[in-house]
Amino acid sequence: MARAQDLTIADQWKVGVRVFDIRPQKDGDVLRCMHGISGTKLLVGDFLAKMRDLLAASPSEFVIVTTKIDTTDGEPEVAEWAPLFSSLIQSDSLRQCFVEFSPTQNVGDLRGKILLLSRNKYAEVPLGGFITGWSSDKDFAYQQGGTITGSDGSSCPRWMQDCYKPNKDREGKENAIRLMLDAAMGRDLTTQQPAWVMNYTAGNTLEFFSDGYRENAVYAHQLVLDYLNDEDHTGSTGIVFMDYAGVETTKGAGGDYYEVKGRQLVEALIAQNFRNDVNGIKPILNARLSTLNSDWYTMDSRRLSKQPTTPGIYMSNGKKIVIK
C-alpha cells in the first residue's frame, strides 16, 4: 500500500541517486525506516552504515539525507525517539561521516560525507542542519517560508514543494512542480544565503495504495523530462525527490505496467548539473520568478489580481503582511 520505490538503496546509489528522504520511527529499541504507518525491513542504523560504506568506497561522492519522524497520531514525542537518534548519529562508527551544514557549501565541501537535514529537533544543536517550514501547499507563496539552520546558527531560506496528496488534481501538482523549477533556476546562487530548493515530483493520485504513486510518477516524471529538454532551462533544479527512482517501468497491483521513466529522469537531472550556469540567470526565468514573488494571496490561498486594500493578513514574497 505504501511502496514508492522498486530499487534497493544500493541499486538507487548505482544509478546515481545521492539524496534520500527517510522516515525513522521507534520500533522497540531501534529506529526503523517507515513510510507513514507502513514499516520497511530497513533499520535507520543499517541505512546510515550503508551510506558510510558506499562513501568509503567512493570518497569523491556525497550523500544528503533528509529525515522526518513518521507517526500515526500527530507530532512524535521527542523523549521516545530523540535519544535513540542522537545516540546513533553520534556513535563512534558514524559520527565522522557527517558534515556540518553551511548555506553556501558546494559539492567540494561535501565529498565523502553525509549531510543530515532533520525536520525534527532531536537535540539543541544539529549534526548537519535543522529544517523548518516544510510545505505541502500548492501555492508558491506558501512554499518560501522555510529555513535550514546549521550548528553555528547560520541559516538560509528553504523553498519546498511537497504536495504529496494531489489525488486527482494533476494540474495543481504539475503546476506546482513547474513553478518550483522556475524558481530554482531563477535564484542568485552567488549570494551569502542562497535559497535551497527541494521539489517533490513524488505524490499519490489516490487516497492510498501504491498505484497512486505509480500513476503520479508517469505524469510528473514526464513533465520534468520535458522541462529539462528545453534548451532555455540551463540552471540548477535544486533537489528533486521522486518515486520509483532509477526504473523505467513498474508493475502495479493489478498486473499493469506503468512507464514511470525513473531511470531517464535520474540521468536527466545528473546531466542538468553540467548545463548549470551559476553566474547567469536566464531573463525569462527571472521574469517569471519576479512575477511569482510579486503576487498577493489571501490566507486561504486565493491569488489576488493586485495588492489588496482591504484590511487583513495576506501573503506576498513568502511573507505574511498585515494591511490595516
C-alpha atoms as a PDB file:
ATOM      1  CA  MET A   1       0.000   0.000   0.000  1.00  0.00           C
ATOM      2  CA  ALA A   2       2.883   2.375   0.704  1.00  0.00           C
ATOM      3  CA  ARG A   3       5.506   1.171  -1.766  1.00  0.00           C
ATOM      4  CA  ALA A   4       7.056   4.060  -3.674  1.00  0.00           C
ATOM      5  CA  GLN A   5      10.396   2.563  -4.823  1.00  0.00           C
ATOM      6  CA  ASP A   6      11.356  -0.648  -6.616  1.00  0.00           C
ATOM      7  CA  LEU A   7      15.150  -0.479  -6.271  1.00  0.00           C
ATOM      8  CA  THR A   8      17.135  -1.211  -3.147  1.00  0.00           C
ATOM      9  CA  ILE A   9      19.192   1.571  -1.578  1.00  0.00           C
ATOM     10  CA  ALA A  10      22.354   0.101  -3.134  1.00  0.00           C
ATOM     11  CA  ASP A  11      20.771  -0.056  -6.589  1.00  0.00           C
ATOM     12  CA  GLN A  12      19.484   3.513  -6.303  1.00  0.00           C
ATOM     13  CA  TRP A  13      23.056   4.548  -5.493  1.00  0.00           C
ATOM     14  CA  LYS A  14      24.336   2.696  -8.570  1.00  0.00           C
ATOM     15  CA  VAL A  15      22.076   4.654 -10.931  1.00  0.00           C
ATOM     16  CA  GLY A  16      23.137   7.994  -9.425  1.00  0.00           C
ATOM     17  CA  VAL A  17      20.743   8.824  -6.570  1.00  0.00           C
ATOM     18  CA  ARG A  18      22.575  10.908  -3.945  1.00  0.00           C
ATOM     19  CA  VAL A  19      19.710  12.294  -1.854  1.00  0.00           C
ATOM     20  CA  PHE A  20      17.494  10.124   0.338  1.00  0.00           C
ATOM     21  CA  ASP A  21      14.393  11.025   2.369  1.00  0.00           C
ATOM     22  CA  ILE A  22      13.995   8.584   5.256  1.00  0.00           C
ATOM     23  CA  ARG A  23      11.261   8.406   7.900  1.00  0.00           C
ATOM     24  CA  PRO A  24      12.574   6.917  11.151  1.00  0.00           C
ATOM     25  CA  GLN A  25      10.140   5.512  13.689  1.00  0.00           C
ATOM     26  CA  LYS A  26      10.862   3.898  17.046  1.00  0.00           C
ATOM     27  CA  ASP A  27      10.410   0.135  16.939  1.00  0.00           C
ATOM     28  CA  GLY A  28      11.337  -1.286  20.320  1.00  0.00           C
ATOM     29  CA  ASP A  29      14.915  -0.259  20.959  1.00  0.00           C
ATOM     30  CA  VAL A  30      15.747   0.558  17.314  1.00  0.00           C
ATOM     31  CA  LEU A  31      14.684   3.060  14.664  1.00  0.00           C
ATOM     32  CA  ARG A  32      13.059   1.610  11.561  1.00  0.00           C
ATOM     33  CA  CYS A  33      12.642   3.279   8.152  1.00  0.00           C
ATOM     34  CA  MET A  34       8.928   3.835   7.618  1.00  0.00           C
ATOM     35  CA  HIS A  35       6.528   5.245   5.048  1.00  0.00           C
ATOM     36  CA  GLY A  36       3.671   6.623   7.101  1.00  0.00           C
ATOM     37  CA  ILE A  37       2.354   3.738   9.183  1.00  0.00           C
ATOM     38  CA  SER A  38       3.986   1.124   6.944  1.00  0.00           C
ATOM     39  CA  GLY A  39       7.290  -0.314   8.067  1.00  0.00           C
ATOM     40  CA  THR A  40      10.155  -1.500   5.878  1.00  0.00           C
ATOM     41  CA  LYS A  41      12.763  -4.143   6.608  1.00  0.00           C
ATOM     42  CA  LEU A  42      15.462  -1.456   6.701  1.00  0.00           C
ATOM     43  CA  LEU A  43      16.728  -0.083  10.009  1.00  0.00           C
ATOM     44  CA  VAL A  44      17.976   3.518  10.120  1.00  0.00           C
ATOM     45  CA  GLY A  45      21.313   2.364  11.549  1.00  0.00           C
ATOM     46  CA  ASP A  46      21.780  -0.085   8.673  1.00  0.00           C
ATOM     47  CA  PHE A  47      20.903   2.599   6.136  1.00  0.00           C
ATOM     48  CA  LEU A  48      23.474   5.037   7.558  1.00  0.00           C
ATOM     49  CA  ALA A  49      26.103   2.277   7.745  1.00  0.00           C
ATOM     50  CA  LYS A  50      25.409   1.518   4.074  1.00  0.00           C
ATOM     51  CA  MET A  51      25.932   5.192   3.191  1.00  0.00           C
ATOM     52  CA  ARG A  52      29.177   5.190   5.197  1.00  0.00           C
ATOM     53  CA  ASP A  53      30.496   2.149   3.347  1.00  0.00           C
ATOM     54  CA  LEU A  54      29.496   3.453  -0.094  1.00  0.00           C
ATOM     55  CA  LEU A  55      31.250   6.748   0.587  1.00  0.00           C
ATOM     56  CA  ALA A  56      34.353   4.965   1.835  1.00  0.00           C
ATOM     57  CA  ALA A  57      34.485   3.100  -1.479  1.00  0.00           C
ATOM     58  CA  SER A  58      33.804   6.288  -3.500  1.00  0.00           C
ATOM     59  CA  PRO A  59      35.173   9.232  -1.469  1.00  0.00           C
ATOM     60  CA  SER A  60      34.554  11.757  -4.243  1.00  0.00           C
ATOM     61  CA  GLU A  61      30.794  11.210  -3.842  1.00  0.00           C
ATOM     62  CA  PHE A  62      28.460  12.651  -1.199  1.00  0.00           C
ATOM     63  CA  VAL A  63      25.011  11.992   0.267  1.00  0.00           C
ATOM     64  CA  ILE A  64      22.274  14.311   1.507  1.00  0.00           C
ATOM     65  CA  VAL A  65      19.782  12.677   3.897  1.00  0.00           C
ATOM     66  CA  THR A  66      16.567  14.372   4.994  1.00  0.00           C
ATOM     67  CA  THR A  67      14.649  12.870   7.900  1.00  0.00           C
ATOM     68  CA  LYS A  68      11.173  13.161   9.381  1.00  0.00           C
ATOM     69  CA  ILE A  69       9.809  11.110  12.250  1.00  0.00           C
ATOM     70  CA  ASP A  70       6.626   9.475  10.949  1.00  0.00           C
ATOM     71  CA  THR A  71       3.891   8.714  13.472  1.00  0.00           C
ATOM     72  CA  THR A  72       0.287   7.549  13.338  1.00  0.00           C
ATOM     73  CA  ASP A  73      -1.068  10.131  15.764  1.00  0.00           C
ATOM     74  CA  GLY A  74       0.349  13.612  15.205  1.00  0.00           C
ATOM     75  CA  GLU A  75       3.656  15.013  16.432  1.00  0.00           C
ATOM     76  CA  PRO A  76       6.158  12.457  17.770  1.00  0.00           C
ATOM     77  CA  GLU A  77       7.141  12.512  21.406  1.00  0.00           C
ATOM     78  CA  VAL A  78      10.743  13.712  21.481  1.00  0.00           C
ATOM     79  CA  ALA A  79      11.537  11.612  24.538  1.00  0.00           C
ATOM     80  CA  GLU A  80      10.626   8.431  22.633  1.00  0.00           C
ATOM     81  CA  TRP A  81      12.908   8.727  19.616  1.00  0.00           C
ATOM     82  CA  ALA A  82      15.406  11.586  20.098  1.00  0.00           C
ATOM     83  CA  PRO A  83      17.796   9.702  22.446  1.00  0.00           C
ATOM     84  CA  LEU A  84      17.930   6.771  20.036  1.00  0.00           C
ATOM     85  CA  PHE A  85      18.546   9.024  17.048  1.00  0.00           C
ATOM     86  CA  SER A  86      21.172  11.149  18.802  1.00  0.00           C
ATOM     87  CA  SER A  87      22.988   8.083  20.101  1.00  0.00           C
ATOM     88  CA  LEU A  88      23.016   6.537  16.632  1.00  0.00           C
ATOM     89  CA  ILE A  89      24.435   9.500  14.704  1.00  0.00           C
ATOM     90  CA  GLN A  90      26.944  10.289  17.470  1.00  0.00           C
ATOM     91  CA  SER A  91      28.203   6.700  17.653  1.00  0.00           C
ATOM     92  CA  ASP A  92      31.892   6.001  17.064  1.00  0.00           C
ATOM     93  CA  SER A  93      31.147   4.184  13.816  1.00  0.00           C
ATOM     94  CA  LEU A  94      29.110   7.014  12.254  1.00  0.00           C
ATOM     95  CA  ARG A  95      29.968  10.394  13.796  1.00  0.00           C
ATOM     96  CA  GLN A  96      32.903  11.077  11.483  1.00  0.00           C
ATOM     97  CA  CYS A  97      30.719  10.514   8.407  1.00  0.00           C
ATOM     98  CA  PHE A  98      28.662  13.690   8.855  1.00  0.00           C
ATOM     99  CA  VAL A  99      29.419  17.228   7.700  1.00  0.00           C
ATOM    100  CA  GLU A 100      28.028  20.426   9.232  1.00  0.00           C
ATOM    101  CA  PHE A 101      25.592  22.492   7.173  1.00  0.00           C
ATOM    102  CA  SER A 102      26.623  25.784   5.604  1.00  0.00           C
ATOM    103  CA  PRO A 103      24.338  27.901   3.368  1.00  0.00           C
ATOM    104  CA  THR A 104      26.977  28.269   0.646  1.00  0.00           C
ATOM    105  CA  GLN A 105      28.560  24.817   0.753  1.00  0.00           C
ATOM    106  CA  ASN A 106      29.075  23.083  -2.562  1.00  0.00           C
ATOM    107  CA  VAL A 107      29.893  19.581  -3.740  1.00  0.00           C
ATOM    108  CA  GLY A 108      33.575  20.074  -2.924  1.00  0.00           C
ATOM    109  CA  ASP A 109      32.654  20.723   0.712  1.00  0.00           C
ATOM    110  CA  LEU A 110      30.545  17.570   0.904  1.00  0.00           C
ATOM    111  CA  ARG A 111      32.736  14.964  -0.785  1.00  0.00           C
ATOM    112  CA  GLY A 112      33.000  11.756   1.206  1.00  0.00           C
ATOM    113  CA  LYS A 113      30.420  12.936   3.756  1.00  0.00           C
ATOM    114  CA  ILE A 114      26.737  12.752   4.700  1.00  0.00           C
ATOM    115  CA  LEU A 115      24.807  15.997   5.086  1.00  0.00           C
ATOM    116  CA  LEU A 116      21.965  15.267   7.526  1.00  0.00           C
ATOM    117  CA  LEU A 117      18.978  17.639   7.430  1.00  0.00           C
ATOM    118  CA  SER A 118      16.300  16.831  10.007  1.00  0.00           C
ATOM    119  CA  ARG A 119      12.732  18.110  10.108  1.00  0.00           C
ATOM    120  CA  ASN A 120      12.522  17.147  13.790  1.00  0.00           C
ATOM    121  CA  LYS A 121      14.613  18.619  16.578  1.00  0.00           C
ATOM    122  CA  TYR A 122      16.449  15.759  18.278  1.00  0.00           C
ATOM    123  CA  ALA A 123      18.983  17.978  20.148  1.00  0.00           C
ATOM    124  CA  GLU A 124      19.648  21.643  20.838  1.00  0.00           C
ATOM    125  CA  VAL A 125      22.342  21.717  18.154  1.00  0.00           C
ATOM    126  CA  PRO A 126      22.053  19.699  14.925  1.00  0.00           C
ATOM    127  CA  LEU A 127      24.640  17.389  13.442  1.00  0.00           C
ATOM    128  CA  GLY A 128      24.184  18.847   9.990  1.00  0.00           C
ATOM    129  CA  GLY A 129      21.131  21.105   9.944  1.00  0.00           C
ATOM    130  CA  PHE A 130      17.539  21.546  11.081  1.00  0.00           C
ATOM    131  CA  ILE A 131      14.768  22.215   8.551  1.00  0.00           C
ATOM    132  CA  THR A 132      11.719  24.315   9.430  1.00  0.00           C
ATOM    133  CA  GLY A 133       8.685  25.374   7.424  1.00  0.00           C
ATOM    134  CA  TRP A 134       8.049  22.241   5.338  1.00  0.00           C
ATOM    135  CA  SER A 135       5.211  22.995   2.918  1.00  0.00           C
ATOM    136  CA  SER A 136       2.694  20.656   1.316  1.00  0.00           C
ATOM    137  CA  ASP A 137       0.775  23.622  -0.142  1.00  0.00           C
ATOM    138  CA  LYS A 138       0.386  24.039  -3.904  1.00  0.00           C
ATOM    139  CA  ASP A 139       0.802  27.814  -3.885  1.00  0.00           C
ATOM    140  CA  PHE A 140       4.281  29.182  -4.355  1.00  0.00           C
ATOM    141  CA  ALA A 141       3.790  31.967  -1.801  1.00  0.00           C
ATOM    142  CA  TYR A 142       3.450  29.415   0.992  1.00  0.00           C
ATOM    143  CA  GLN A 143       6.413  27.356  -0.199  1.00  0.00           C
ATOM    144  CA  GLN A 144       9.032  30.025   0.506  1.00  0.00           C
ATOM    145  CA  GLY A 145       8.682  30.206   4.285  1.00  0.00           C
ATOM    146  CA  GLY A 146      11.194  27.540   5.316  1.00  0.00           C
ATOM    147  CA  THR A 147      14.766  27.703   6.599  1.00  0.00           C
ATOM    148  CA  ILE A 148      17.765  25.430   7.070  1.00  0.00           C
ATOM    149  CA  THR A 149      19.874  26.228  10.140  1.00  0.00           C
ATOM    150  CA  GLY A 150      23.299  24.799  10.918  1.00  0.00           C
ATOM    151  CA  SER A 151      25.052  24.079  14.199  1.00  0.00           C
ATOM    152  CA  ASP A 152      26.699  27.516  14.210  1.00  0.00           C
ATOM    153  CA  GLY A 153      23.351  29.300  13.803  1.00  0.00           C
ATOM    154  CA  SER A 154      23.901  30.212  10.154  1.00  0.00           C
ATOM    155  CA  SER A 155      20.805  29.767   8.041  1.00  0.00           C
ATOM    156  CA  CYS A 156      19.326  30.271   4.608  1.00  0.00           C
ATOM    157  CA  PRO A 157      15.867  30.197   3.004  1.00  0.00           C
ATOM    158  CA  ARG A 158      14.487  26.800   2.042  1.00  0.00           C
ATOM    159  CA  TRP A 159      11.837  26.621  -0.667  1.00  0.00           C
ATOM    160  CA  MET A 160       9.751  23.464  -0.644  1.00  0.00           C
ATOM    161  CA  GLN A 161       7.129  21.929  -2.925  1.00  0.00           C
ATOM    162  CA  ASP A 162       5.765  18.728  -1.401  1.00  0.00           C
ATOM    163  CA  CYS A 163       2.149  18.460  -2.485  1.00  0.00           C
ATOM    164  CA  TYR A 164       2.130  14.785  -1.570  1.00  0.00           C
ATOM    165  CA  LYS A 165      -1.630  14.146  -1.890  1.00  0.00           C
ATOM    166  CA  PRO A 166      -2.722  15.706  -5.175  1.00  0.00           C
ATOM    167  CA  ASN A 167      -5.300  12.915  -5.526  1.00  0.00           C
ATOM    168  CA  LYS A 168      -6.947  13.663  -8.887  1.00  0.00           C
ATOM    169  CA  ASP A 169      -5.735  17.271  -9.089  1.00  0.00           C
ATOM    170  CA  ARG A 170      -2.955  16.580 -11.559  1.00  0.00           C
ATOM    171  CA  GLU A 171      -2.965  20.119 -12.886  1.00  0.00           C
ATOM    172  CA  GLY A 172      -2.350  21.630  -9.454  1.00  0.00           C
ATOM    173  CA  LYS A 173       0.534  19.251  -8.712  1.00  0.00           C
ATOM    174  CA  GLU A 174       2.130  19.710 -12.120  1.00  0.00           C
ATOM    175  CA  ASN A 175       1.885  23.493 -11.951  1.00  0.00           C
ATOM    176  CA  ALA A 176       3.499  23.415  -8.511  1.00  0.00           C
ATOM    177  CA  ILE A 177       6.416  21.296  -9.793  1.00  0.00           C
ATOM    178  CA  ARG A 178       6.946  23.550 -12.799  1.00  0.00           C
ATOM    179  CA  LEU A 179       6.821  26.792 -10.824  1.00  0.00           C
ATOM    180  CA  MET A 180       9.340  25.491  -8.308  1.00  0.00           C
ATOM    181  CA  LEU A 181      11.669  24.520 -11.159  1.00  0.00           C
ATOM    182  CA  ASP A 182      11.332  28.078 -12.473  1.00  0.00           C
ATOM    183  CA  ALA A 183      12.085  29.429  -9.018  1.00  0.00           C
ATOM    184  CA  ALA A 184      15.119  27.186  -8.595  1.00  0.00           C
ATOM    185  CA  MET A 185      16.602  28.279 -11.890  1.00  0.00           C
ATOM    186  CA  GLY A 186      15.876  31.926 -11.141  1.00  0.00           C
ATOM    187  CA  ARG A 187      17.892  32.001  -7.913  1.00  0.00           C
ATOM    188  CA  ASP A 188      21.056  34.023  -7.498  1.00  0.00           C
ATOM    189  CA  LEU A 189      23.453  31.355  -6.256  1.00  0.00           C
ATOM    190  CA  THR A 190      26.253  33.866  -5.674  1.00  0.00           C
ATOM    191  CA  THR A 191      24.659  35.373  -2.551  1.00  0.00           C
ATOM    192  CA  GLN A 192      25.698  34.532   1.013  1.00  0.00           C
ATOM    193  CA  GLN A 193      22.297  32.989   1.732  1.00  0.00           C
ATOM    194  CA  PRO A 194      21.089  31.334  -1.462  1.00  0.00           C
ATOM    195  CA  ALA A 195      17.759  29.555  -1.187  1.00  0.00           C
ATOM    196  CA  TRP A 196      17.983  25.771  -1.035  1.00  0.00           C
ATOM    197  CA  VAL A 197      15.230  24.227  -3.151  1.00  0.00           C
ATOM    198  CA  MET A 198      13.506  20.881  -2.595  1.00  0.00           C
ATOM    199  CA  ASN A 199      10.938  19.865  -5.206  1.00  0.00           C
ATOM    200  CA  TYR A 200       8.875  16.685  -4.879  1.00  0.00           C
ATOM    201  CA  THR A 201       7.654  15.069  -8.071  1.00  0.00           C
ATOM    202  CA  ALA A 202       6.511  12.366  -5.634  1.00  0.00           C
ATOM    203  CA  GLY A 203       2.822  12.185  -4.782  1.00  0.00           C
ATOM    204  CA  ASN A 204      -0.248   9.963  -4.821  1.00  0.00           C
ATOM    205  CA  THR A 205      -3.202  10.387  -7.178  1.00  0.00           C
ATOM    206  CA  LEU A 206      -5.251   8.037  -4.976  1.00  0.00           C
ATOM    207  CA  GLU A 207      -6.087   8.370  -1.311  1.00  0.00           C
ATOM    208  CA  PHE A 208      -3.976   5.274  -0.591  1.00  0.00           C
ATOM    209  CA  PHE A 209      -2.337   2.394  -2.490  1.00  0.00           C
ATOM    210  CA  SER A 210       0.906   2.266  -4.410  1.00  0.00           C
ATOM    211  CA  ASP A 211      -0.696   2.511  -7.840  1.00  0.00           C
ATOM    212  CA  GLY A 212      -1.419   6.129  -6.960  1.00  0.00           C
ATOM    213  CA  TYR A 213       2.320   6.743  -6.611  1.00  0.00           C
ATOM    214  CA  ARG A 214       2.900   4.958  -9.912  1.00  0.00           C
ATOM    215  CA  GLU A 215       0.216   6.934 -11.747  1.00  0.00           C
ATOM    216  CA  ASN A 216       1.542  10.227 -10.412  1.00  0.00           C
ATOM    217  CA  ALA A 217       5.107   9.287 -11.375  1.00  0.00           C
ATOM    218  CA  VAL A 218       4.109   8.693 -15.005  1.00  0.00           C
ATOM    219  CA  TYR A 219       2.858  12.257 -15.393  1.00  0.00           C
ATOM    220  CA  ALA A 220       5.220  14.090 -13.050  1.00  0.00           C
ATOM    221  CA  HIS A 221       8.407  12.493 -14.381  1.00  0.00           C
ATOM    222  CA  GLN A 222       7.472  13.241 -17.992  1.00  0.00           C
ATOM    223  CA  LEU A 223       6.785  16.845 -17.026  1.00  0.00           C
ATOM    224  CA  VAL A 224      10.289  17.293 -15.602  1.00  0.00           C
ATOM    225  CA  LEU A 225      11.881  15.495 -18.543  1.00  0.00           C
ATOM    226  CA  ASP A 226      10.101  17.836 -20.944  1.00  0.00           C
ATOM    227  CA  TYR A 227      11.149  20.822 -18.850  1.00  0.00           C
ATOM    228  CA  LEU A 228      14.812  19.788 -18.865  1.00  0.00           C
ATOM    229  CA  ASN A 229      14.719  19.115 -22.607  1.00  0.00           C
ATOM    230  CA  ASP A 230      14.027  22.835 -23.144  1.00  0.00           C
ATOM    231  CA  GLU A 231      17.392  24.360 -24.060  1.00  0.00           C
ATOM    232  CA  ASP A 232      16.468  27.591 -22.263  1.00  0.00           C
ATOM    233  CA  HIS A 233      16.447  25.733 -18.945  1.00  0.00           C
ATOM    234  CA  THR A 234      20.150  25.653 -18.104  1.00  0.00           C
ATOM    235  CA  GLY A 235      20.053  26.469 -14.386  1.00  0.00           C
ATOM    236  CA  SER A 236      20.076  24.401 -11.226  1.00  0.00           C
ATOM    237  CA  THR A 237      16.961  22.389 -10.390  1.00  0.00           C
ATOM    238  CA  GLY A 238      17.733  22.144  -6.691  1.00  0.00           C
ATOM    239  CA  ILE A 239      16.966  18.781  -5.071  1.00  0.00           C
ATOM    240  CA  VAL A 240      14.268  16.715  -6.804  1.00  0.00           C
ATOM    241  CA  PHE A 241      12.651  13.909  -4.798  1.00  0.00           C
ATOM    242  CA  MET A 242      10.942  11.199  -6.833  1.00  0.00           C
ATOM    243  CA  ASP A 243       9.107   7.910  -6.518  1.00  0.00           C
ATOM    244  CA  TYR A 244      10.387   4.870  -8.442  1.00  0.00           C
ATOM    245  CA  ALA A 245      13.832   6.380  -8.950  1.00  0.00           C
ATOM    246  CA  GLY A 246      16.020   4.543 -11.433  1.00  0.00           C
ATOM    247  CA  VAL A 247      13.382   2.268 -13.016  1.00  0.00           C
ATOM    248  CA  GLU A 248      11.721   2.781 -16.400  1.00  0.00           C
ATOM    249  CA  THR A 249       8.614   0.699 -15.679  1.00  0.00           C
ATOM    250  CA  THR A 250       6.972  -0.617 -12.540  1.00  0.00           C
ATOM    251  CA  LYS A 251       4.325  -3.324 -12.187  1.00  0.00           C
ATOM    252  CA  GLY A 252       1.099  -2.295 -10.484  1.00  0.00           C
ATOM    253  CA  ALA A 253      -1.149  -4.238  -8.141  1.00  0.00           C
ATOM    254  CA  GLY A 254      -3.402  -5.367 -10.992  1.00  0.00           C
ATOM    255  CA  GLY A 255      -0.531  -6.520 -13.189  1.00  0.00           C
ATOM    256  CA  ASP A 256      -0.441  -3.422 -15.387  1.00  0.00           C
ATOM    257  CA  TYR A 257       2.884  -1.743 -16.105  1.00  0.00           C
ATOM    258  CA  TYR A 258       3.427   1.962 -15.535  1.00  0.00           C
ATOM    259  CA  GLU A 259       6.010   3.767 -17.669  1.00  0.00           C
ATOM    260  CA  VAL A 260       7.472   5.981 -14.947  1.00  0.00           C
ATOM    261  CA  LYS A 261      10.803   6.725 -16.702  1.00  0.00           C
ATOM    262  CA  GLY A 262      12.606   6.937 -13.379  1.00  0.00           C
ATOM    263  CA  ARG A 263      15.954   5.970 -14.913  1.00  0.00           C
ATOM    264  CA  GLN A 264      15.650   8.644 -17.589  1.00  0.00           C
ATOM    265  CA  LEU A 265      14.782  11.276 -15.005  1.00  0.00           C
ATOM    266  CA  VAL A 266      17.759  10.488 -12.749  1.00  0.00           C
ATOM    267  CA  GLU A 267      20.081  10.670 -15.753  1.00  0.00           C
ATOM    268  CA  ALA A 268      18.498  13.914 -16.978  1.00  0.00           C
ATOM    269  CA  LEU A 269      18.953  15.558 -13.578  1.00  0.00           C
ATOM    270  CA  ILE A 270      22.596  14.492 -13.464  1.00  0.00           C
ATOM    271  CA  ALA A 271      23.138  15.844 -16.980  1.00  0.00           C
ATOM    272  CA  GLN A 272      21.484  19.112 -15.953  1.00  0.00           C
ATOM    273  CA  ASN A 273      24.293  19.711 -13.459  1.00  0.00           C
ATOM    274  CA  PHE A 274      26.663  20.166 -16.376  1.00  0.00           C
ATOM    275  CA  ARG A 275      24.393  22.692 -18.107  1.00  0.00           C
ATOM    276  CA  ASN A 276      24.180  24.844 -14.994  1.00  0.00           C
ATOM    277  CA  ASP A 277      25.212  28.499 -15.350  1.00  0.00           C
ATOM    278  CA  VAL A 278      25.558  29.616 -11.731  1.00  0.00           C
ATOM    279  CA  ASN A 279      26.567  33.176 -12.578  1.00  0.00           C
ATOM    280  CA  GLY A 280      23.943  33.982 -15.185  1.00  0.00           C
ATOM    281  CA  ILE A 281      20.194  33.955 -14.566  1.00  0.00           C
ATOM    282  CA  LYS A 282      18.060  33.362 -17.621  1.00  0.00           C
ATOM    283  CA  PRO A 283      15.982  36.506 -18.221  1.00  0.00           C
ATOM    284  CA  ILE A 284      12.800  34.571 -18.980  1.00  0.00           C
ATOM    285  CA  LEU A 285      13.061  32.535 -15.769  1.00  0.00           C
ATOM    286  CA  ASN A 286      13.984  35.574 -13.708  1.00  0.00           C
ATOM    287  CA  ALA A 287      10.971  37.419 -15.075  1.00  0.00           C
ATOM    288  CA  ARG A 288       8.666  34.529 -14.161  1.00  0.00           C
ATOM    289  CA  LEU A 289      10.134  34.365 -10.674  1.00  0.00           C
ATOM    290  CA  SER A 290       9.652  38.115 -10.239  1.00  0.00           C
ATOM    291  CA  THR A 291       6.022  37.725 -11.232  1.00  0.00           C
ATOM    292  CA  LEU A 292       5.543  34.912  -8.718  1.00  0.00           C
ATOM    293  CA  ASN A 293       7.192  36.898  -5.947  1.00  0.00           C
ATOM    294  CA  SER A 294       5.050  39.952  -6.607  1.00  0.00           C
ATOM    295  CA  ASP A 295       1.749  38.064  -6.416  1.00  0.00           C
ATOM    296  CA  TRP A 296      -0.554  38.558  -3.451  1.00  0.00           C
ATOM    297  CA  TYR A 297      -2.545  35.781  -1.779  1.00  0.00           C
ATOM    298  CA  THR A 298      -5.243  35.560   0.853  1.00  0.00           C
ATOM    299  CA  MET A 299      -4.587  33.269   3.800  1.00  0.00           C
ATOM    300  CA  ASP A 300      -6.818  30.617   2.209  1.00  0.00           C
ATOM    301  CA  SER A 301      -4.511  30.517  -0.852  1.00  0.00           C
ATOM    302  CA  ARG A 302      -6.578  32.624  -3.266  1.00  0.00           C
ATOM    303  CA  ARG A 303      -4.350  34.607  -5.661  1.00  0.00           C
ATOM    304  CA  LEU A 304      -5.323  38.269  -5.959  1.00  0.00           C
ATOM    305  CA  SER A 305      -5.101  40.338  -9.134  1.00  0.00           C
ATOM    306  CA  LYS A 306      -3.356  43.233  -7.367  1.00  0.00           C
ATOM    307  CA  GLN A 307      -2.156  44.456  -3.981  1.00  0.00           C
ATOM    308  CA  PRO A 308      -5.171  44.409  -1.633  1.00  0.00           C
ATOM    309  CA  THR A 309      -6.541  47.499   0.086  1.00  0.00           C
ATOM    310  CA  THR A 310      -8.985  45.706   2.385  1.00  0.00           C
ATOM    311  CA  PRO A 311      -7.576  45.329   5.928  1.00  0.00           C
ATOM    312  CA  GLY A 312      -6.403  41.818   6.717  1.00  0.00           C
ATOM    313  CA  ILE A 313      -3.474  39.385   6.645  1.00  0.00           C
ATOM    314  CA  TYR A 314      -2.042  38.433   3.258  1.00  0.00           C
ATOM    315  CA  MET A 315       0.967  36.605   1.773  1.00  0.00           C
ATOM    316  CA  SER A 316       3.481  38.123  -0.652  1.00  0.00           C
ATOM    317  CA  ASN A 317       7.155  37.356  -1.302  1.00  0.00           C
ATOM    318  CA  GLY A 318       6.812  34.380   1.006  1.00  0.00           C
ATOM    319  CA  LYS A 319       5.917  36.591   3.983  1.00  0.00           C
ATOM    320  CA  LYS A 320       2.794  37.401   5.963  1.00  0.00           C
ATOM    321  CA  ILE A 321       1.815  41.059   5.519  1.00  0.00           C
ATOM    322  CA  VAL A 322      -0.778  42.861   7.612  1.00  0.00           C
ATOM    323  CA  ILE A 323      -2.759  45.601   5.864  1.00  0.00           C
ATOM    324  CA  LYS A 324      -4.572  47.923   8.242  1.00  0.00           C
END
